[in-house]
Amino acid sequence: MAVTLLVQGDREGALRIFNLAFHDCELDDIRLLLLLKVILVFESGNQDDAIKCVELFAARANDDSDNDATYLYAQVLAVMHMKKGDYGRAIPLIERAKNLAPKNKQYPPLMTISLIFGWSFDQLDIIVKRRLFETLYHGGRTVEATEILHNIMKTSDEDTQGSKTNADWIVDFIQKCVMTRERVGDGAFNSSKHDDAVTQSDTLS
């Protein structure tokens, strides 16, 4: 019912249903239910509050040496930071999650989150590194961007499929840069022609 309301855009109604669901679930399911509720809060716009909640969950799981829970929270936090555009904070979380990843790659809680909210946890590390590279590059921080790019290429060497997708991404990125420079060049050229025309007009008058 909560998922149906969420799909319909009734997030407040979905939150109320989540609250009621706590009375009907097993103790082992409460953790996931709480996490789903916090993700709903995140999607509703209260991103900072949601992140703080998951960080508290992660700290408790770490204190209890609960690796499965720590893995889950690290993955969720990584996506949250990525959605906020804070790629620098997402990367160490992804690296931590890799070290804690369970043998079963189809981790049920992550699959549930993906089904309900449409979040993807596949190749999250590469996606975040690409976004970070683009952000640094466009921000003029080319030295840092180059380090990230080298890291991406190193990952590609270890994964054949990743190598192809990264090669395609790099070609696409270069093409975008070329097109952007061409547009900037055309704009500068046209502006120069306009200035020349104004100068000639002033001279004639």
N, C-alpha and C. Protein backbone atom coordinates (compact mmCIF):
# COMPACT_ATOMS: atom_id res chain seq x y z
N MET A 1 0.83 -1.20 0.00
CA MET A 1 0.00 0.00 0.00
C MET A 1 0.87 1.27 0.00
N ALA A 2 1.94 1.25 0.82
CA ALA A 2 2.82 2.41 0.89
C ALA A 2 3.48 2.66 -0.46
N VAL A 3 3.90 1.58 -1.12
CA VAL A 3 4.55 1.72 -2.43
C VAL A 3 3.57 2.29 -3.45
N THR A 4 2.30 1.82 -3.39
CA THR A 4 1.27 2.31 -4.31
C THR A 4 1.07 3.81 -4.13
N LEU A 5 0.97 4.23 -2.89
CA LEU A 5 0.80 5.67 -2.61
C LEU A 5 2.00 6.47 -3.07
N LEU A 6 3.18 5.89 -2.90
CA LEU A 6 4.40 6.56 -3.33
C LEU A 6 4.39 6.78 -4.84
N VAL A 7 4.03 5.73 -5.58
CA VAL A 7 3.96 5.82 -7.04
C VAL A 7 2.94 6.87 -7.47
N GLN A 8 1.85 6.99 -6.71
CA GLN A 8 0.80 7.96 -7.03
C GLN A 8 1.20 9.38 -6.63
N GLY A 9 2.34 9.53 -5.96
CA GLY A 9 2.79 10.85 -5.57
C GLY A 9 2.34 11.28 -4.19
N ASP A 10 1.63 10.40 -3.48
CA ASP A 10 1.16 10.73 -2.13
C ASP A 10 2.21 10.30 -1.12
N ARG A 11 3.24 11.10 -0.95
CA ARG A 11 4.35 10.72 -0.08
C ARG A 11 3.98 10.78 1.39
N GLU A 12 3.13 11.73 1.76
CA GLU A 12 2.70 11.82 3.16
C GLU A 12 1.88 10.59 3.53
N GLY A 13 1.00 10.18 2.62
CA GLY A 13 0.22 8.97 2.86
C GLY A 13 1.10 7.75 2.96
N ALA A 14 2.14 7.69 2.10
CA ALA A 14 3.07 6.56 2.15
C ALA A 14 3.80 6.51 3.49
N LEU A 15 4.18 7.67 4.00
CA LEU A 15 4.85 7.72 5.31
C LEU A 15 3.94 7.20 6.41
N ARG A 16 2.66 7.57 6.35
CA ARG A 16 1.72 7.09 7.37
C ARG A 16 1.59 5.57 7.33
N ILE A 17 1.55 5.01 6.11
CA ILE A 17 1.45 3.56 5.98
C ILE A 17 2.70 2.89 6.50
N PHE A 18 3.87 3.48 6.23
CA PHE A 18 5.11 2.94 6.77
C PHE A 18 5.05 2.89 8.29
N ASN A 19 4.52 3.93 8.91
CA ASN A 19 4.43 3.97 10.37
C ASN A 19 3.54 2.84 10.89
N LEU A 20 2.43 2.60 10.21
CA LEU A 20 1.54 1.52 10.62
C LEU A 20 2.18 0.15 10.44
N ALA A 21 3.02 0.03 9.39
CA ALA A 21 3.62 -1.27 9.08
C ALA A 21 4.53 -1.77 10.20
N PHE A 22 5.06 -0.86 11.01
CA PHE A 22 5.94 -1.29 12.10
C PHE A 22 5.22 -2.20 13.09
N HIS A 23 3.90 -2.07 13.18
CA HIS A 23 3.14 -2.87 14.14
C HIS A 23 2.92 -4.30 13.64
N ASP A 24 3.14 -4.52 12.34
CA ASP A 24 2.79 -5.81 11.75
C ASP A 24 3.98 -6.61 11.24
N CYS A 25 5.21 -6.08 11.42
CA CYS A 25 6.36 -6.78 10.86
C CYS A 25 7.19 -7.44 11.95
N GLU A 26 8.03 -8.39 11.52
CA GLU A 26 8.94 -9.07 12.43
C GLU A 26 10.09 -8.12 12.81
N LEU A 27 10.73 -8.43 13.93
CA LEU A 27 11.82 -7.57 14.39
C LEU A 27 12.94 -7.46 13.35
N ASP A 28 13.21 -8.56 12.65
CA ASP A 28 14.29 -8.56 11.66
C ASP A 28 13.98 -7.64 10.48
N ASP A 29 12.69 -7.37 10.27
CA ASP A 29 12.30 -6.54 9.12
C ASP A 29 12.26 -5.05 9.46
N ILE A 30 12.31 -4.74 10.75
CA ILE A 30 12.17 -3.33 11.15
C ILE A 30 13.30 -2.48 10.58
N ARG A 31 14.53 -3.02 10.56
CA ARG A 31 15.67 -2.25 10.06
C ARG A 31 15.45 -1.81 8.61
N LEU A 32 15.02 -2.76 7.77
CA LEU A 32 14.79 -2.42 6.37
C LEU A 32 13.63 -1.45 6.23
N LEU A 33 12.58 -1.65 7.02
CA LEU A 33 11.43 -0.76 6.95
C LEU A 33 11.81 0.67 7.33
N LEU A 34 12.63 0.79 8.38
CA LEU A 34 13.12 2.12 8.78
C LEU A 34 13.93 2.77 7.67
N LEU A 35 14.77 1.96 7.03
CA LEU A 35 15.60 2.48 5.96
C LEU A 35 14.75 2.95 4.78
N LEU A 36 13.74 2.18 4.43
CA LEU A 36 12.84 2.56 3.33
C LEU A 36 12.14 3.87 3.66
N LYS A 37 11.75 4.02 4.91
CA LYS A 37 11.09 5.26 5.32
C LYS A 37 12.03 6.45 5.19
N VAL A 38 13.30 6.26 5.59
CA VAL A 38 14.28 7.34 5.50
C VAL A 38 14.56 7.69 4.04
N ILE A 39 14.60 6.69 3.17
CA ILE A 39 14.81 6.95 1.74
C ILE A 39 13.63 7.75 1.19
N LEU A 40 12.44 7.44 1.66
CA LEU A 40 11.25 8.20 1.25
C LEU A 40 11.38 9.66 1.69
N VAL A 41 11.89 9.87 2.91
CA VAL A 41 12.13 11.22 3.40
C VAL A 41 13.14 11.93 2.48
N PHE A 42 14.19 11.21 2.09
CA PHE A 42 15.20 11.76 1.18
C PHE A 42 14.57 12.17 -0.14
N GLU A 43 13.76 11.29 -0.70
CA GLU A 43 13.12 11.55 -1.98
C GLU A 43 12.09 12.67 -1.88
N SER A 44 11.60 12.91 -0.67
CA SER A 44 10.60 13.97 -0.47
C SER A 44 11.25 15.35 -0.35
N GLY A 45 12.58 15.39 -0.34
CA GLY A 45 13.26 16.68 -0.33
C GLY A 45 14.08 16.97 0.91
N ASN A 46 13.88 16.18 1.98
CA ASN A 46 14.64 16.40 3.22
C ASN A 46 15.94 15.58 3.18
N GLN A 47 16.81 15.92 2.24
CA GLN A 47 17.98 15.11 1.98
C GLN A 47 18.98 15.09 3.14
N ASP A 48 19.25 16.24 3.70
CA ASP A 48 20.24 16.31 4.79
C ASP A 48 19.79 15.52 6.01
N ASP A 49 18.50 15.64 6.37
CA ASP A 49 17.98 14.89 7.52
C ASP A 49 18.06 13.39 7.27
N ALA A 50 17.74 12.98 6.05
CA ALA A 50 17.77 11.55 5.71
C ALA A 50 19.19 11.01 5.79
N ILE A 51 20.14 11.77 5.29
CA ILE A 51 21.53 11.33 5.33
C ILE A 51 22.02 11.19 6.77
N LYS A 52 21.65 12.14 7.61
CA LYS A 52 22.05 12.06 9.03
C LYS A 52 21.48 10.81 9.68
N CYS A 53 20.25 10.47 9.35
CA CYS A 53 19.62 9.26 9.91
C CYS A 53 20.38 8.01 9.50
N VAL A 54 20.70 7.91 8.20
CA VAL A 54 21.41 6.71 7.72
C VAL A 54 22.81 6.66 8.30
N GLU A 55 23.43 7.80 8.50
CA GLU A 55 24.76 7.82 9.13
C GLU A 55 24.68 7.29 10.56
N LEU A 56 23.60 7.63 11.26
CA LEU A 56 23.42 7.09 12.62
C LEU A 56 23.20 5.58 12.58
N PHE A 57 22.41 5.11 11.61
CA PHE A 57 22.20 3.66 11.44
C PHE A 57 23.54 2.97 11.19
N ALA A 58 24.36 3.58 10.32
CA ALA A 58 25.64 2.99 9.95
C ALA A 58 26.58 2.93 11.15
N ALA A 59 26.58 3.99 11.96
CA ALA A 59 27.44 4.02 13.13
C ALA A 59 27.05 2.92 14.12
N ARG A 60 25.74 2.75 14.30
CA ARG A 60 25.27 1.69 15.22
C ARG A 60 25.66 0.30 14.68
N ALA A 61 25.49 0.10 13.38
CA ALA A 61 25.84 -1.19 12.78
C ALA A 61 27.34 -1.46 12.90
N ASN A 62 28.13 -0.42 12.74
CA ASN A 62 29.58 -0.56 12.86
C ASN A 62 29.98 -0.91 14.28
N ASP A 63 29.33 -0.28 15.26
CA ASP A 63 29.60 -0.58 16.67
C ASP A 63 29.24 -2.02 17.01
N ASP A 64 28.19 -2.53 16.34
CA ASP A 64 27.74 -3.90 16.59
C ASP A 64 28.48 -4.92 15.73
N SER A 65 29.43 -4.43 14.91
CA SER A 65 30.18 -5.30 13.98
C SER A 65 29.25 -6.08 13.06
N ASP A 66 28.18 -5.42 12.64
CA ASP A 66 27.21 -6.02 11.74
C ASP A 66 27.60 -5.64 10.30
N ASN A 67 28.38 -6.50 9.67
CA ASN A 67 28.92 -6.18 8.34
C ASN A 67 27.85 -6.05 7.27
N ASP A 68 26.82 -6.90 7.36
CA ASP A 68 25.75 -6.83 6.35
C ASP A 68 25.04 -5.49 6.40
N ALA A 69 24.72 -5.05 7.61
CA ALA A 69 24.02 -3.77 7.77
C ALA A 69 24.95 -2.61 7.37
N THR A 70 26.21 -2.69 7.75
CA THR A 70 27.16 -1.64 7.39
C THR A 70 27.29 -1.53 5.88
N TYR A 71 27.32 -2.68 5.21
CA TYR A 71 27.38 -2.71 3.74
C TYR A 71 26.15 -2.04 3.13
N LEU A 72 24.99 -2.38 3.65
CA LEU A 72 23.73 -1.81 3.16
C LEU A 72 23.71 -0.29 3.30
N TYR A 73 24.07 0.19 4.48
CA TYR A 73 24.02 1.63 4.73
C TYR A 73 25.07 2.38 3.91
N ALA A 74 26.24 1.75 3.71
CA ALA A 74 27.28 2.39 2.91
C ALA A 74 26.80 2.57 1.47
N GLN A 75 26.13 1.55 0.94
CA GLN A 75 25.61 1.63 -0.43
C GLN A 75 24.54 2.72 -0.55
N VAL A 76 23.64 2.75 0.41
CA VAL A 76 22.55 3.75 0.38
C VAL A 76 23.11 5.16 0.52
N LEU A 77 24.05 5.34 1.45
CA LEU A 77 24.65 6.66 1.63
C LEU A 77 25.39 7.10 0.37
N ALA A 78 26.06 6.17 -0.29
CA ALA A 78 26.78 6.50 -1.52
C ALA A 78 25.83 7.04 -2.58
N VAL A 79 24.68 6.40 -2.73
CA VAL A 79 23.70 6.87 -3.72
C VAL A 79 23.14 8.22 -3.31
N MET A 80 22.88 8.39 -2.01
CA MET A 80 22.35 9.68 -1.54
C MET A 80 23.32 10.82 -1.85
N HIS A 81 24.60 10.60 -1.56
CA HIS A 81 25.60 11.65 -1.82
C HIS A 81 25.74 11.88 -3.33
N MET A 82 25.64 10.81 -4.11
CA MET A 82 25.72 10.96 -5.55
C MET A 82 24.56 11.80 -6.07
N LYS A 83 23.37 11.53 -5.56
CA LYS A 83 22.19 12.29 -6.00
C LYS A 83 22.29 13.76 -5.60
N LYS A 84 23.02 14.04 -4.52
CA LYS A 84 23.24 15.43 -4.11
C LYS A 84 24.39 16.08 -4.87
N GLY A 85 25.13 15.28 -5.64
CA GLY A 85 26.26 15.81 -6.39
C GLY A 85 27.54 15.86 -5.60
N ASP A 86 27.55 15.22 -4.42
CA ASP A 86 28.74 15.20 -3.57
C ASP A 86 29.51 13.91 -3.85
N TYR A 87 30.15 13.84 -5.02
CA TYR A 87 30.81 12.62 -5.45
C TYR A 87 32.03 12.27 -4.61
N GLY A 88 32.70 13.30 -4.10
CA GLY A 88 33.87 13.06 -3.26
C GLY A 88 33.55 12.24 -2.02
N ARG A 89 32.35 12.45 -1.46
CA ARG A 89 31.95 11.69 -0.27
C ARG A 89 31.41 10.31 -0.65
N ALA A 90 30.92 10.19 -1.87
CA ALA A 90 30.35 8.91 -2.30
C ALA A 90 31.44 7.87 -2.53
N ILE A 91 32.57 8.27 -3.08
CA ILE A 91 33.62 7.31 -3.46
C ILE A 91 34.15 6.48 -2.29
N PRO A 92 34.55 7.09 -1.14
CA PRO A 92 35.04 6.25 -0.04
C PRO A 92 33.98 5.30 0.51
N LEU A 93 32.72 5.71 0.45
CA LEU A 93 31.64 4.83 0.89
C LEU A 93 31.53 3.61 -0.02
N ILE A 94 31.69 3.83 -1.32
CA ILE A 94 31.63 2.73 -2.28
C ILE A 94 32.80 1.77 -2.05
N GLU A 95 33.99 2.34 -1.81
CA GLU A 95 35.16 1.51 -1.56
C GLU A 95 34.96 0.67 -0.29
N ARG A 96 34.35 1.28 0.72
CA ARG A 96 34.08 0.54 1.96
C ARG A 96 33.08 -0.58 1.71
N ALA A 97 32.06 -0.27 0.92
CA ALA A 97 31.04 -1.28 0.61
C ALA A 97 31.65 -2.46 -0.14
N LYS A 98 32.61 -2.19 -1.02
CA LYS A 98 33.26 -3.27 -1.77
C LYS A 98 33.94 -4.27 -0.83
N ASN A 99 34.55 -3.75 0.21
CA ASN A 99 35.25 -4.62 1.16
C ASN A 99 34.30 -5.44 2.03
N LEU A 100 33.05 -5.00 2.11
CA LEU A 100 32.07 -5.67 2.95
C LEU A 100 31.03 -6.46 2.14
N ALA A 101 31.15 -6.42 0.82
CA ALA A 101 30.13 -7.01 -0.05
C ALA A 101 29.91 -8.48 0.26
N PRO A 102 28.65 -8.90 0.43
CA PRO A 102 28.35 -10.31 0.68
C PRO A 102 28.60 -11.15 -0.57
N LYS A 103 28.75 -12.45 -0.39
CA LYS A 103 28.99 -13.35 -1.53
C LYS A 103 27.82 -13.32 -2.51
N ASN A 104 26.61 -13.18 -1.96
CA ASN A 104 25.42 -13.11 -2.82
C ASN A 104 25.29 -11.70 -3.37
N LYS A 105 25.66 -11.52 -4.65
CA LYS A 105 25.63 -10.18 -5.24
C LYS A 105 24.21 -9.64 -5.35
N GLN A 106 23.24 -10.54 -5.47
CA GLN A 106 21.85 -10.10 -5.51
C GLN A 106 21.36 -9.90 -4.09
N TYR A 107 21.87 -8.87 -3.45
CA TYR A 107 21.56 -8.62 -2.04
C TYR A 107 20.11 -8.16 -1.92
N PRO A 108 19.24 -8.96 -1.29
CA PRO A 108 17.79 -8.67 -1.28
C PRO A 108 17.40 -7.26 -0.85
N PRO A 109 17.96 -6.69 0.24
CA PRO A 109 17.53 -5.33 0.61
C PRO A 109 17.80 -4.30 -0.49
N LEU A 110 18.94 -4.42 -1.17
CA LEU A 110 19.24 -3.48 -2.25
C LEU A 110 18.29 -3.68 -3.42
N MET A 111 17.93 -4.92 -3.68
CA MET A 111 16.97 -5.20 -4.76
C MET A 111 15.62 -4.59 -4.43
N THR A 112 15.23 -4.65 -3.15
CA THR A 112 13.96 -4.07 -2.72
C THR A 112 13.97 -2.55 -2.93
N ILE A 113 15.06 -1.92 -2.53
CA ILE A 113 15.19 -0.47 -2.70
C ILE A 113 15.14 -0.09 -4.18
N SER A 114 15.82 -0.89 -5.00
CA SER A 114 15.83 -0.62 -6.44
C SER A 114 14.42 -0.72 -7.04
N LEU A 115 13.68 -1.72 -6.61
CA LEU A 115 12.33 -1.92 -7.14
C LEU A 115 11.38 -0.80 -6.72
N ILE A 116 11.51 -0.35 -5.48
CA ILE A 116 10.58 0.67 -4.97
C ILE A 116 10.94 2.07 -5.46
N PHE A 117 12.23 2.41 -5.38
CA PHE A 117 12.64 3.80 -5.66
C PHE A 117 13.36 3.98 -7.00
N GLY A 118 13.66 2.86 -7.66
CA GLY A 118 14.34 2.97 -8.95
C GLY A 118 15.82 3.28 -8.84
N TRP A 119 16.38 3.12 -7.65
CA TRP A 119 17.81 3.38 -7.46
C TRP A 119 18.62 2.22 -8.04
N SER A 120 19.74 2.54 -8.66
CA SER A 120 20.62 1.50 -9.22
C SER A 120 21.92 1.45 -8.42
N PHE A 121 22.31 0.24 -8.06
CA PHE A 121 23.56 0.05 -7.33
C PHE A 121 24.60 -0.66 -8.20
N ASP A 122 24.29 -0.86 -9.49
CA ASP A 122 25.21 -1.52 -10.41
C ASP A 122 26.30 -0.56 -10.87
N GLN A 123 27.54 -1.00 -10.79
CA GLN A 123 28.70 -0.21 -11.23
C GLN A 123 28.66 1.22 -10.67
N LEU A 124 28.21 1.32 -9.44
CA LEU A 124 28.07 2.63 -8.81
C LEU A 124 29.41 3.36 -8.73
N ASP A 125 30.49 2.61 -8.47
CA ASP A 125 31.79 3.24 -8.33
C ASP A 125 32.23 3.94 -9.61
N ILE A 126 32.02 3.27 -10.75
CA ILE A 126 32.43 3.86 -12.02
C ILE A 126 31.58 5.09 -12.34
N ILE A 127 30.28 4.99 -12.11
CA ILE A 127 29.38 6.11 -12.40
C ILE A 127 29.77 7.35 -11.59
N VAL A 128 30.03 7.15 -10.30
CA VAL A 128 30.39 8.26 -9.43
C VAL A 128 31.72 8.87 -9.85
N LYS A 129 32.69 8.03 -10.19
CA LYS A 129 33.99 8.54 -10.60
C LYS A 129 33.89 9.33 -11.90
N ARG A 130 33.03 8.87 -12.81
CA ARG A 130 32.83 9.63 -14.05
C ARG A 130 32.25 11.01 -13.75
N ARG A 131 31.23 11.04 -12.90
CA ARG A 131 30.60 12.32 -12.56
C ARG A 131 31.59 13.25 -11.86
N LEU A 132 32.40 12.67 -10.97
CA LEU A 132 33.40 13.49 -10.26
C LEU A 132 34.41 14.05 -11.25
N PHE A 133 34.85 13.21 -12.18
CA PHE A 133 35.80 13.67 -13.19
C PHE A 133 35.22 14.83 -13.98
N GLU A 134 33.97 14.68 -14.44
CA GLU A 134 33.33 15.74 -15.23
C GLU A 134 33.21 17.03 -14.43
N THR A 135 32.84 16.89 -13.15
CA THR A 135 32.69 18.07 -12.29
C THR A 135 34.03 18.79 -12.11
N LEU A 136 35.08 18.02 -11.82
CA LEU A 136 36.40 18.62 -11.63
C LEU A 136 36.91 19.25 -12.92
N TYR A 137 36.70 18.56 -14.03
CA TYR A 137 37.19 19.05 -15.32
C TYR A 137 36.52 20.38 -15.69
N HIS A 138 35.20 20.40 -15.58
CA HIS A 138 34.47 21.61 -15.93
C HIS A 138 34.75 22.74 -14.94
N GLY A 139 35.19 22.36 -13.72
CA GLY A 139 35.53 23.36 -12.73
C GLY A 139 36.96 23.86 -12.85
N GLY A 140 37.67 23.37 -13.87
CA GLY A 140 39.04 23.81 -14.10
C GLY A 140 40.08 23.12 -13.23
N ARG A 141 39.67 22.11 -12.46
CA ARG A 141 40.60 21.40 -11.58
C ARG A 141 41.16 20.19 -12.33
N THR A 142 41.98 20.47 -13.36
CA THR A 142 42.40 19.44 -14.29
C THR A 142 43.35 18.41 -13.68
N VAL A 143 44.18 18.81 -12.73
CA VAL A 143 45.11 17.86 -12.11
C VAL A 143 44.33 16.78 -11.35
N GLU A 144 43.36 17.20 -10.55
CA GLU A 144 42.53 16.25 -9.82
C GLU A 144 41.70 15.40 -10.77
N ALA A 145 41.20 16.04 -11.83
CA ALA A 145 40.39 15.32 -12.81
C ALA A 145 41.21 14.23 -13.49
N THR A 146 42.47 14.53 -13.80
CA THR A 146 43.35 13.56 -14.45
C THR A 146 43.60 12.35 -13.55
N GLU A 147 43.74 12.59 -12.25
CA GLU A 147 43.94 11.49 -11.31
C GLU A 147 42.72 10.56 -11.30
N ILE A 148 41.53 11.16 -11.32
CA ILE A 148 40.30 10.36 -11.34
C ILE A 148 40.22 9.57 -12.64
N LEU A 149 40.59 10.20 -13.77
CA LEU A 149 40.54 9.52 -15.06
C LEU A 149 41.49 8.32 -15.08
N HIS A 150 42.69 8.49 -14.53
CA HIS A 150 43.65 7.37 -14.45
C HIS A 150 43.06 6.23 -13.63
N ASN A 151 42.37 6.58 -12.55
CA ASN A 151 41.74 5.57 -11.70
C ASN A 151 40.66 4.82 -12.47
N ILE A 152 39.89 5.55 -13.28
CA ILE A 152 38.84 4.92 -14.09
C ILE A 152 39.45 3.94 -15.09
N MET A 153 40.52 4.37 -15.74
CA MET A 153 41.16 3.52 -16.73
C MET A 153 41.78 2.28 -16.08
N LYS A 154 42.30 2.42 -14.87
CA LYS A 154 42.86 1.28 -14.15
C LYS A 154 41.76 0.26 -13.85
N THR A 155 40.60 0.75 -13.46
CA THR A 155 39.46 -0.13 -13.20
C THR A 155 39.05 -0.84 -14.48
N SER A 156 39.12 -0.14 -15.61
CA SER A 156 38.73 -0.72 -16.89
C SER A 156 39.62 -1.90 -17.25
N ASP A 157 40.91 -1.80 -16.93
CA ASP A 157 41.85 -2.88 -17.25
C ASP A 157 41.50 -4.16 -16.51
N GLU A 158 40.79 -4.03 -15.38
CA GLU A 158 40.45 -5.19 -14.57
C GLU A 158 39.10 -5.78 -14.94
N ASP A 159 38.35 -5.10 -15.81
CA ASP A 159 37.00 -5.53 -16.14
C ASP A 159 36.74 -5.28 -17.63
N THR A 160 36.59 -6.36 -18.39
CA THR A 160 36.43 -6.24 -19.84
C THR A 160 35.20 -5.44 -20.20
N GLN A 161 34.07 -5.75 -19.56
CA GLN A 161 32.83 -5.03 -19.84
C GLN A 161 32.97 -3.57 -19.44
N GLY A 162 33.58 -3.34 -18.27
CA GLY A 162 33.80 -1.97 -17.81
C GLY A 162 34.70 -1.22 -18.76
N SER A 163 35.67 -1.92 -19.35
CA SER A 163 36.58 -1.27 -20.30
C SER A 163 35.84 -0.72 -21.50
N LYS A 164 34.89 -1.50 -22.03
CA LYS A 164 34.13 -1.05 -23.21
C LYS A 164 33.24 0.14 -22.88
N THR A 165 32.52 0.05 -21.76
CA THR A 165 31.61 1.14 -21.39
C THR A 165 32.38 2.41 -21.08
N ASN A 166 33.55 2.26 -20.45
CA ASN A 166 34.35 3.44 -20.15
C ASN A 166 34.95 4.04 -21.41
N ALA A 167 35.36 3.19 -22.36
CA ALA A 167 35.89 3.69 -23.62
C ALA A 167 34.81 4.49 -24.36
N ASP A 168 33.58 3.96 -24.36
CA ASP A 168 32.47 4.66 -25.00
C ASP A 168 32.21 6.00 -24.31
N TRP A 169 32.28 5.98 -22.97
CA TRP A 169 32.04 7.21 -22.21
C TRP A 169 33.10 8.26 -22.52
N ILE A 170 34.37 7.84 -22.59
CA ILE A 170 35.45 8.78 -22.87
C ILE A 170 35.29 9.40 -24.25
N VAL A 171 34.95 8.57 -25.26
CA VAL A 171 34.73 9.09 -26.62
C VAL A 171 33.60 10.09 -26.62
N ASP A 172 32.50 9.75 -25.92
CA ASP A 172 31.34 10.65 -25.86
C ASP A 172 31.71 11.96 -25.17
N PHE A 173 32.50 11.87 -24.09
CA PHE A 173 32.90 13.07 -23.35
C PHE A 173 33.76 13.97 -24.23
N ILE A 174 34.71 13.37 -24.97
CA ILE A 174 35.58 14.16 -25.85
C ILE A 174 34.76 14.85 -26.92
N GLN A 175 33.79 14.13 -27.48
CA GLN A 175 32.94 14.73 -28.51
C GLN A 175 32.16 15.92 -27.96
N LYS A 176 31.66 15.80 -26.75
CA LYS A 176 30.94 16.91 -26.12
C LYS A 176 31.86 18.11 -25.93
N CYS A 177 33.10 17.85 -25.51
CA CYS A 177 34.04 18.93 -25.30
C CYS A 177 34.35 19.65 -26.61
N VAL A 178 34.54 18.86 -27.68
CA VAL A 178 34.82 19.43 -28.99
C VAL A 178 33.66 20.29 -29.46
N MET A 179 32.43 19.77 -29.30
CA MET A 179 31.24 20.52 -29.72
C MET A 179 31.10 21.80 -28.92
N THR A 180 31.39 21.72 -27.62
CA THR A 180 31.31 22.92 -26.77
C THR A 180 32.31 23.97 -27.21
N ARG A 181 33.53 23.53 -27.50
CA ARG A 181 34.56 24.47 -27.95
C ARG A 181 34.20 25.09 -29.30
N GLU A 182 33.58 24.27 -30.18
CA GLU A 182 33.17 24.81 -31.48
C GLU A 182 32.11 25.88 -31.31
N ARG A 183 31.16 25.63 -30.39
CA ARG A 183 30.10 26.62 -30.15
C ARG A 183 30.69 27.90 -29.56
N VAL A 184 31.63 27.72 -28.63
CA VAL A 184 32.28 28.90 -28.03
C VAL A 184 33.07 29.66 -29.09
N GLY A 185 33.76 28.92 -29.95
CA GLY A 185 34.52 29.54 -31.02
C GLY A 185 33.65 30.30 -31.99
N ASP A 186 32.51 29.69 -32.37
CA ASP A 186 31.58 30.35 -33.27
C ASP A 186 31.04 31.63 -32.65
N GLY A 187 30.74 31.54 -31.33
CA GLY A 187 30.21 32.71 -30.64
C GLY A 187 31.23 33.83 -30.62
N ALA A 188 32.49 33.47 -30.37
CA ALA A 188 33.54 34.48 -30.33
C ALA A 188 33.76 35.08 -31.72
N PHE A 189 33.70 34.22 -32.76
CA PHE A 189 33.88 34.69 -34.13
C PHE A 189 32.78 35.65 -34.54
N ASN A 190 31.53 35.27 -34.21
CA ASN A 190 30.39 36.13 -34.54
C ASN A 190 30.46 37.44 -33.78
N SER A 191 30.90 37.37 -32.52
CA SER A 191 31.04 38.58 -31.72
C SER A 191 32.11 39.49 -32.32
N SER A 192 33.19 38.87 -32.82
CA SER A 192 34.26 39.64 -33.44
C SER A 192 33.76 40.33 -34.70
N LYS A 193 32.97 39.59 -35.52
CA LYS A 193 32.41 40.17 -36.73
C LYS A 193 31.51 41.36 -36.39
N HIS A 194 30.72 41.21 -35.31
CA HIS A 194 29.81 42.27 -34.89
C HIS A 194 30.61 43.51 -34.47
N ASP A 195 31.71 43.27 -33.69
CA ASP A 195 32.53 44.40 -33.25
C ASP A 195 33.18 45.11 -34.43
N ASP A 196 33.61 44.31 -35.43
CA ASP A 196 34.22 44.91 -36.62
C ASP A 196 33.22 45.77 -37.38
N ALA A 197 31.98 45.25 -37.45
CA ALA A 197 30.94 45.99 -38.16
C ALA A 197 30.64 47.30 -37.46
N VAL A 198 30.60 47.27 -36.14
CA VAL A 198 30.34 48.48 -35.37
C VAL A 198 31.47 49.48 -35.57
N THR A 199 32.70 48.96 -35.58
CA THR A 199 33.87 49.85 -35.77
C THR A 199 33.83 50.52 -37.14
N GLN A 200 33.49 49.70 -38.18
CA GLN A 200 33.41 50.27 -39.53
C GLN A 200 32.31 51.30 -39.63
N SER A 201 31.19 51.03 -38.99
CA SER A 201 30.06 51.96 -39.01
C SER A 201 30.45 53.30 -38.37
N ASP A 202 31.17 53.19 -37.25
CA ASP A 202 31.61 54.42 -36.57
C ASP A 202 32.59 55.20 -37.44
N THR A 203 33.42 54.47 -38.18
CA THR A 203 34.44 55.11 -39.03
C THR A 203 33.76 55.85 -40.19
N LEU A 204 32.76 55.20 -40.80
CA LEU A 204 32.04 55.79 -41.93
C LEU A 204 31.27 57.04 -41.50
N SER A 205 30.74 57.02 -40.29
CA SER A 205 29.96 58.17 -39.83
C SER A 205 30.88 59.29 -39.38
